[in-house]
Amino acid sequence: MLRFEVTILGSGSASPTLSRNPSSQLLNLSESYFLIDCGEGTQIQLRKNKLSWAKIDHIFISHLHGDHYLGLLGLLQSMHLLGRKKKLHLFCFPELKEIIDIQNKYSFTVLNYEIEYHFLSNNSFDKISETKTVSVYSFPLNHRIPCVGFLFRENEGSRKIIKENLIKYNVSNAEIHKLRKGINAVDENGNEIDFTLLTEPSYQPRSYAYCSDTKYDESLLNYLKEVDVLYHESTFLTDLKDRASATYHSTAEQAALIAKKANVKKLIIGHYSARYNSLDGFLEEAGQVFNNVFLAKDGVTFKI
């Protein structure tokens, strides 16, 4: 089974603290790196966690509040200074291109590498990227400005051959290459045999969903059902639920309710307000609703 894990680079919200940087995560799928949001301090966190910038070919920015993208300009400049040549795919709202272009214009910078922009919509569930190993989707979040979440679904690998069924259905080994790709085979008499009779999945594809900034919204259940791991913001505790609603954020309890109703396997909560020194209350509050919940902490890696 391929490596599929997420490292928390920043678990805080708008104001960084000594122990929590603003939002950023690195998803590692078989040594292909996908950077999700890029708050201040992301470069340092990548270095601290010995995660190579050179492997980052895809960056996803959920929205244009500074704690989710202000580290990006520095990261792009550092990639340039270190001689990057590979194309970089940047998934964002169109206004971010304007911000980057202005920065480069007034610093007289012409990047050594191409940025290919993929503009997001916050009105629908969209497939925005597909590589050999993963398909990525965006979906609308309920925040004060246009904002999306991201869903990463592992693509199904080569199917496993059921050898005894090849004999049973008179299918030769020459058909194996088609069967591994999920293509029907032809038996020795020229009859088509459904590939599901001769193969089985090598393993169940895994999924990871990222909900950056959003108030409690059950419409998210349409996109999050039965994902393996869900990251959902939990900026406040329940005693500040009115402030959470007014600022279009969620409480730990609300994040857990979404996880429970979506029947996800594991919940990670984060994006904590800087007013909280201890995170014990977040784990306790969410744990009363959903029993497989973990705290996002800077530098911690979760396997999916």
Protein backbone atom coordinates (compact mmCIF):
# COMPACT_ATOMS: atom_id res chain seq x y z
CA MET A 1 0.00 0.00 0.00
CA LEU A 2 1.32 3.44 -0.95
CA ARG A 3 2.24 6.00 1.68
CA PHE A 4 -0.65 8.41 2.30
CA GLU A 5 -0.15 10.85 5.18
CA VAL A 6 -0.63 14.48 6.15
CA THR A 7 1.80 16.61 8.16
CA ILE A 8 0.41 19.61 10.03
CA LEU A 9 2.64 22.61 9.32
CA GLY A 10 0.34 25.17 10.93
CA SER A 11 -2.59 24.54 13.28
CA GLY A 12 -3.46 28.08 14.39
CA SER A 13 -5.85 30.68 13.06
CA ALA A 14 -5.37 34.34 12.17
CA SER A 15 -2.72 35.21 14.78
CA PRO A 16 0.32 32.93 15.13
CA THR A 17 1.52 31.92 18.59
CA LEU A 18 4.85 30.58 19.81
CA SER A 19 3.56 27.02 19.35
CA ARG A 20 1.06 27.35 16.51
CA ASN A 21 1.67 28.72 13.01
CA PRO A 22 -1.19 29.75 10.69
CA SER A 23 -2.83 27.16 8.48
CA SER A 24 -0.75 24.88 6.29
CA GLN A 25 -0.56 21.16 5.67
CA LEU A 26 1.51 18.87 3.47
CA LEU A 27 -0.12 15.76 2.02
CA ASN A 28 2.34 13.04 1.02
CA LEU A 29 1.02 10.43 -1.37
CA SER A 30 3.73 8.05 -2.47
CA GLU A 31 6.35 10.82 -2.20
CA SER A 32 4.30 13.24 -4.29
CA TYR A 33 3.73 16.37 -2.20
CA PHE A 34 0.54 18.45 -2.17
CA LEU A 35 0.67 21.68 -0.14
CA ILE A 36 -2.68 22.72 1.31
CA ASP A 37 -2.82 26.39 2.32
CA CYS A 38 0.34 28.33 3.02
CA GLY A 39 0.19 30.64 6.03
CA GLU A 40 3.15 32.54 7.42
CA GLY A 41 5.98 30.31 8.56
CA THR A 42 5.30 27.51 6.09
CA GLN A 43 8.86 27.61 4.71
CA ILE A 44 10.34 27.24 8.17
CA GLN A 45 7.97 24.41 9.01
CA LEU A 46 8.93 22.55 5.85
CA ARG A 47 12.58 22.85 6.85
CA LYS A 48 11.93 21.82 10.46
CA ASN A 49 10.09 18.70 9.31
CA LYS A 50 12.69 17.89 6.61
CA LEU A 51 10.11 18.05 3.82
CA SER A 52 11.61 18.87 0.43
CA TRP A 53 10.24 21.89 -1.42
CA ALA A 54 11.38 20.31 -4.69
CA LYS A 55 8.68 17.63 -4.38
CA ILE A 56 5.87 20.19 -4.18
CA ASP A 57 4.28 20.43 -7.62
CA HIS A 58 0.71 21.22 -6.50
CA ILE A 59 -0.40 23.97 -4.10
CA PHE A 60 -4.02 24.47 -3.03
CA ILE A 61 -5.14 27.75 -1.43
CA SER A 62 -8.61 27.56 0.12
CA HIS A 63 -9.31 31.31 0.31
CA LEU A 64 -7.75 34.74 0.52
CA HIS A 65 -7.65 35.42 4.24
CA GLY A 66 -4.02 36.09 5.07
CA ASP A 67 -3.53 33.23 7.52
CA HIS A 68 -4.08 30.84 4.62
CA TYR A 69 -1.83 32.34 1.95
CA LEU A 70 0.61 34.99 3.23
CA GLY A 71 3.44 32.45 3.35
CA LEU A 72 3.00 31.66 -0.34
CA LEU A 73 4.77 34.71 -1.77
CA GLY A 74 7.93 33.91 0.17
CA LEU A 75 7.79 30.24 -0.75
CA LEU A 76 7.46 31.05 -4.46
CA GLN A 77 10.42 33.43 -4.23
CA SER A 78 12.53 30.82 -2.42
CA MET A 79 11.74 28.21 -5.05
CA HIS A 80 12.95 30.73 -7.63
CA LEU A 81 16.16 31.52 -5.73
CA LEU A 82 16.91 27.82 -5.36
CA GLY A 83 16.71 27.36 -9.12
CA ARG A 84 13.42 25.58 -9.58
CA LYS A 85 12.65 24.80 -13.23
CA LYS A 86 9.60 22.50 -12.96
CA LYS A 87 6.13 23.83 -13.58
CA LEU A 88 4.11 24.53 -10.43
CA HIS A 89 0.34 23.98 -10.38
CA LEU A 90 -1.46 26.54 -8.21
CA PHE A 91 -5.16 26.07 -7.37
CA CYS A 92 -6.67 29.30 -6.09
CA PHE A 93 -9.19 32.07 -6.64
CA PRO A 94 -8.32 34.41 -9.54
CA GLU A 95 -7.46 37.36 -7.30
CA LEU A 96 -4.41 35.54 -5.95
CA LYS A 97 -2.79 35.70 -9.39
CA GLU A 98 -3.15 39.48 -9.28
CA ILE A 99 -1.47 39.58 -5.85
CA ILE A 100 1.43 37.42 -7.03
CA ASP A 101 1.84 39.39 -10.27
CA ILE A 102 2.01 42.69 -8.37
CA GLN A 103 4.59 41.31 -5.96
CA ASN A 104 6.77 40.08 -8.82
CA LYS A 105 6.28 43.31 -10.76
CA TYR A 106 7.51 45.61 -7.99
CA SER A 107 10.35 43.33 -6.94
CA PHE A 108 11.44 43.06 -10.60
CA THR A 109 11.22 39.26 -10.35
CA VAL A 110 10.81 36.94 -13.32
CA LEU A 111 10.42 33.43 -11.96
CA ASN A 112 12.65 30.67 -13.32
CA TYR A 113 9.64 28.38 -13.52
CA GLU A 114 6.09 28.51 -14.82
CA ILE A 115 3.08 28.77 -12.55
CA GLU A 116 0.02 27.17 -14.11
CA TYR A 117 -3.06 28.63 -12.45
CA HIS A 118 -6.22 26.61 -11.92
CA PHE A 119 -8.99 28.93 -10.76
CA LEU A 120 -11.52 27.72 -8.23
CA SER A 121 -15.27 28.14 -7.94
CA ASN A 122 -17.07 28.18 -4.61
CA ASN A 123 -20.43 27.29 -6.13
CA SER A 124 -20.09 23.58 -6.92
CA PHE A 125 -18.34 20.29 -6.35
CA ASP A 126 -15.61 20.16 -8.98
CA LYS A 127 -12.86 17.77 -9.96
CA ILE A 128 -9.88 20.10 -10.20
CA SER A 129 -6.89 17.78 -10.59
CA GLU A 130 -5.97 14.19 -11.35
CA THR A 131 -2.58 12.53 -11.18
CA LYS A 132 -1.64 8.89 -11.48
CA THR A 133 -2.27 8.37 -7.78
CA VAL A 134 -4.97 10.83 -6.68
CA SER A 135 -8.02 12.79 -7.82
CA VAL A 136 -8.68 16.14 -6.14
CA TYR A 137 -12.03 17.87 -5.77
CA SER A 138 -13.06 21.27 -4.43
CA PHE A 139 -16.34 22.04 -2.69
CA PRO A 140 -17.91 25.23 -1.27
CA LEU A 141 -17.49 26.19 2.38
CA ASN A 142 -19.68 28.64 4.28
CA HIS A 143 -17.32 31.49 5.12
CA ARG A 144 -17.27 35.30 4.98
CA ILE A 145 -15.48 35.35 1.62
CA PRO A 146 -15.33 32.77 -1.20
CA CYS A 147 -13.77 29.67 0.30
CA VAL A 148 -13.49 26.01 -0.65
CA GLY A 149 -12.55 22.74 0.92
CA PHE A 150 -10.53 20.03 -0.78
CA LEU A 151 -11.16 16.31 -1.09
CA PHE A 152 -8.30 14.00 -2.04
CA ARG A 153 -9.37 10.54 -3.24
CA GLU A 154 -6.73 7.94 -3.96
CA ASN A 155 -7.12 6.39 -7.39
CA GLU A 156 -7.69 2.66 -7.46
CA GLY A 157 -4.47 0.76 -8.12
CA SER A 158 -3.95 -2.23 -10.39
CA ARG A 159 -6.48 -4.93 -9.61
CA LYS A 160 -5.44 -8.20 -8.03
CA ILE A 161 -5.81 -11.32 -10.19
CA ILE A 162 -7.82 -14.25 -8.81
CA LYS A 163 -5.70 -17.03 -10.34
CA GLU A 164 -8.14 -19.87 -9.73
CA ASN A 165 -10.84 -17.96 -11.59
CA LEU A 166 -8.65 -17.65 -14.67
CA ILE A 167 -8.72 -21.44 -14.85
CA LYS A 168 -12.42 -21.62 -14.01
CA TYR A 169 -13.40 -19.24 -16.82
CA ASN A 170 -10.80 -20.50 -19.35
CA VAL A 171 -8.97 -17.16 -19.52
CA SER A 172 -5.32 -17.18 -20.55
CA ASN A 173 -2.51 -15.32 -18.84
CA ALA A 174 -2.28 -13.09 -21.91
CA GLU A 175 -5.41 -11.27 -20.68
CA ILE A 176 -3.88 -10.34 -17.30
CA HIS A 177 -2.57 -6.94 -18.43
CA LYS A 178 -6.14 -5.88 -19.35
CA LEU A 179 -7.67 -7.31 -16.20
CA ARG A 180 -5.27 -5.36 -13.95
CA LYS A 181 -6.63 -2.16 -15.55
CA GLY A 182 -10.25 -3.18 -14.98
CA ILE A 183 -10.91 -4.16 -18.59
CA ASN A 184 -13.03 -7.23 -19.41
CA ALA A 185 -11.18 -10.31 -20.65
CA VAL A 186 -11.92 -12.70 -23.52
CA ASP A 187 -11.89 -16.44 -22.80
CA GLU A 188 -10.39 -19.11 -25.07
CA ASN A 189 -13.74 -19.43 -26.90
CA GLY A 190 -14.00 -15.71 -27.63
CA ASN A 191 -16.57 -14.93 -24.92
CA GLU A 192 -16.24 -11.72 -22.93
CA ILE A 193 -15.77 -12.24 -19.18
CA ASP A 194 -16.46 -9.44 -16.73
CA PHE A 195 -13.25 -8.31 -15.01
CA THR A 196 -14.94 -8.35 -11.59
CA LEU A 197 -15.22 -12.16 -11.83
CA LEU A 198 -11.48 -12.50 -12.34
CA THR A 199 -10.03 -9.74 -10.15
CA GLU A 200 -10.50 -7.88 -6.90
CA PRO A 201 -9.31 -4.48 -5.71
CA SER A 202 -5.72 -4.53 -4.49
CA TYR A 203 -6.87 -2.38 -1.55
CA GLN A 204 -9.64 0.07 -0.75
CA PRO A 205 -8.73 3.57 -2.01
CA ARG A 206 -8.33 6.09 0.80
CA SER A 207 -9.60 9.67 1.12
CA TYR A 208 -8.76 12.88 2.96
CA ALA A 209 -10.99 15.95 3.24
CA TYR A 210 -9.87 19.42 4.30
CA CYS A 211 -12.36 21.99 5.58
CA SER A 212 -10.42 25.17 6.26
CA ASP A 213 -12.73 27.99 7.41
CA THR A 214 -16.46 27.44 7.66
CA LYS A 215 -19.38 27.86 10.00
CA TYR A 216 -21.46 24.80 10.88
CA ASP A 217 -23.17 23.74 7.67
CA GLU A 218 -24.78 20.35 7.11
CA SER A 219 -24.64 20.79 3.33
CA LEU A 220 -21.00 19.70 3.72
CA LEU A 221 -22.24 16.19 4.43
CA ASN A 222 -22.83 15.80 0.70
CA TYR A 223 -19.05 15.94 0.11
CA LEU A 224 -17.67 14.33 3.26
CA LYS A 225 -19.60 11.06 3.59
CA GLU A 226 -17.43 8.19 4.85
CA VAL A 227 -14.05 9.78 4.13
CA ASP A 228 -11.19 8.09 5.92
CA VAL A 229 -9.83 11.26 7.53
CA LEU A 230 -11.54 14.63 7.87
CA TYR A 231 -9.80 17.83 8.92
CA HIS A 232 -12.38 20.36 10.08
CA GLU A 233 -11.66 23.74 11.58
CA SER A 234 -12.59 24.30 15.23
CA THR A 235 -11.65 27.87 16.00
CA PHE A 236 -13.65 28.17 19.23
CA LEU A 237 -15.15 26.17 22.07
CA THR A 238 -18.91 26.01 22.59
CA ASP A 239 -19.05 28.87 25.08
CA LEU A 240 -18.15 31.13 22.15
CA LYS A 241 -20.51 29.53 19.62
CA ASP A 242 -22.20 32.89 18.96
CA ARG A 243 -18.84 34.42 18.05
CA ALA A 244 -18.10 31.37 15.90
CA SER A 245 -21.33 31.91 13.98
CA ALA A 246 -20.77 35.66 13.62
CA THR A 247 -17.26 35.15 12.21
CA TYR A 248 -18.27 32.15 10.06
CA HIS A 249 -16.21 29.65 12.03
CA SER A 250 -16.98 26.43 13.92
CA THR A 251 -16.65 25.09 17.44
CA ALA A 252 -15.02 21.80 18.35
CA GLU A 253 -18.45 20.34 19.09
CA GLN A 254 -19.76 21.41 15.68
CA ALA A 255 -16.77 19.89 13.88
CA ALA A 256 -17.44 16.63 15.70
CA LEU A 257 -21.13 16.74 14.75
CA ILE A 258 -20.19 17.04 11.08
CA ALA A 259 -17.79 14.09 11.44
CA LYS A 260 -20.43 11.99 13.15
CA LYS A 261 -23.18 12.76 10.66
CA ALA A 262 -20.83 12.17 7.71
CA ASN A 263 -19.76 8.84 9.22
CA VAL A 264 -16.07 9.57 8.73
CA LYS A 265 -13.46 7.25 10.22
CA LYS A 266 -11.17 9.82 11.83
CA LEU A 267 -11.48 13.52 12.67
CA ILE A 268 -8.63 16.03 13.04
CA ILE A 269 -9.53 19.44 14.45
CA GLY A 270 -7.47 22.61 14.23
CA HIS A 271 -7.38 26.34 13.36
CA TYR A 272 -7.53 27.21 17.06
CA SER A 273 -7.99 30.80 18.14
CA ALA A 274 -4.86 32.32 19.71
CA ARG A 275 -6.88 33.04 22.86
CA TYR A 276 -6.49 29.38 23.91
CA ASN A 277 -3.21 28.39 25.55
CA SER A 278 -4.36 24.84 26.30
CA LEU A 279 -6.08 22.62 23.74
CA ASP A 280 -7.45 20.11 26.25
CA GLY A 281 -10.92 21.61 26.05
CA PHE A 282 -11.07 21.05 22.28
CA LEU A 283 -10.33 17.35 22.58
CA GLU A 284 -12.76 16.94 25.46
CA GLU A 285 -15.58 18.83 23.75
CA ALA A 286 -15.25 17.07 20.39
CA GLY A 287 -14.70 13.70 22.07
CA GLN A 288 -18.11 13.86 23.71
CA VAL A 289 -19.69 13.76 20.24
CA PHE A 290 -17.23 11.75 18.12
CA ASN A 291 -14.96 9.09 19.56
CA ASN A 292 -12.05 9.09 17.10
CA VAL A 293 -10.84 12.68 17.21
CA PHE A 294 -7.29 14.05 17.22
CA LEU A 295 -5.76 17.48 17.73
CA ALA A 296 -3.85 19.07 14.88
CA LYS A 297 -0.49 20.18 16.29
CA ASP A 298 2.38 21.70 14.36
CA GLY A 299 4.82 19.00 13.21
CA VAL A 300 2.50 16.04 13.80
CA THR A 301 1.96 13.56 10.94
CA PHE A 302 -1.22 11.53 10.56
CA LYS A 303 -1.39 8.38 8.43
CA ILE A 304 -4.45 7.95 6.25
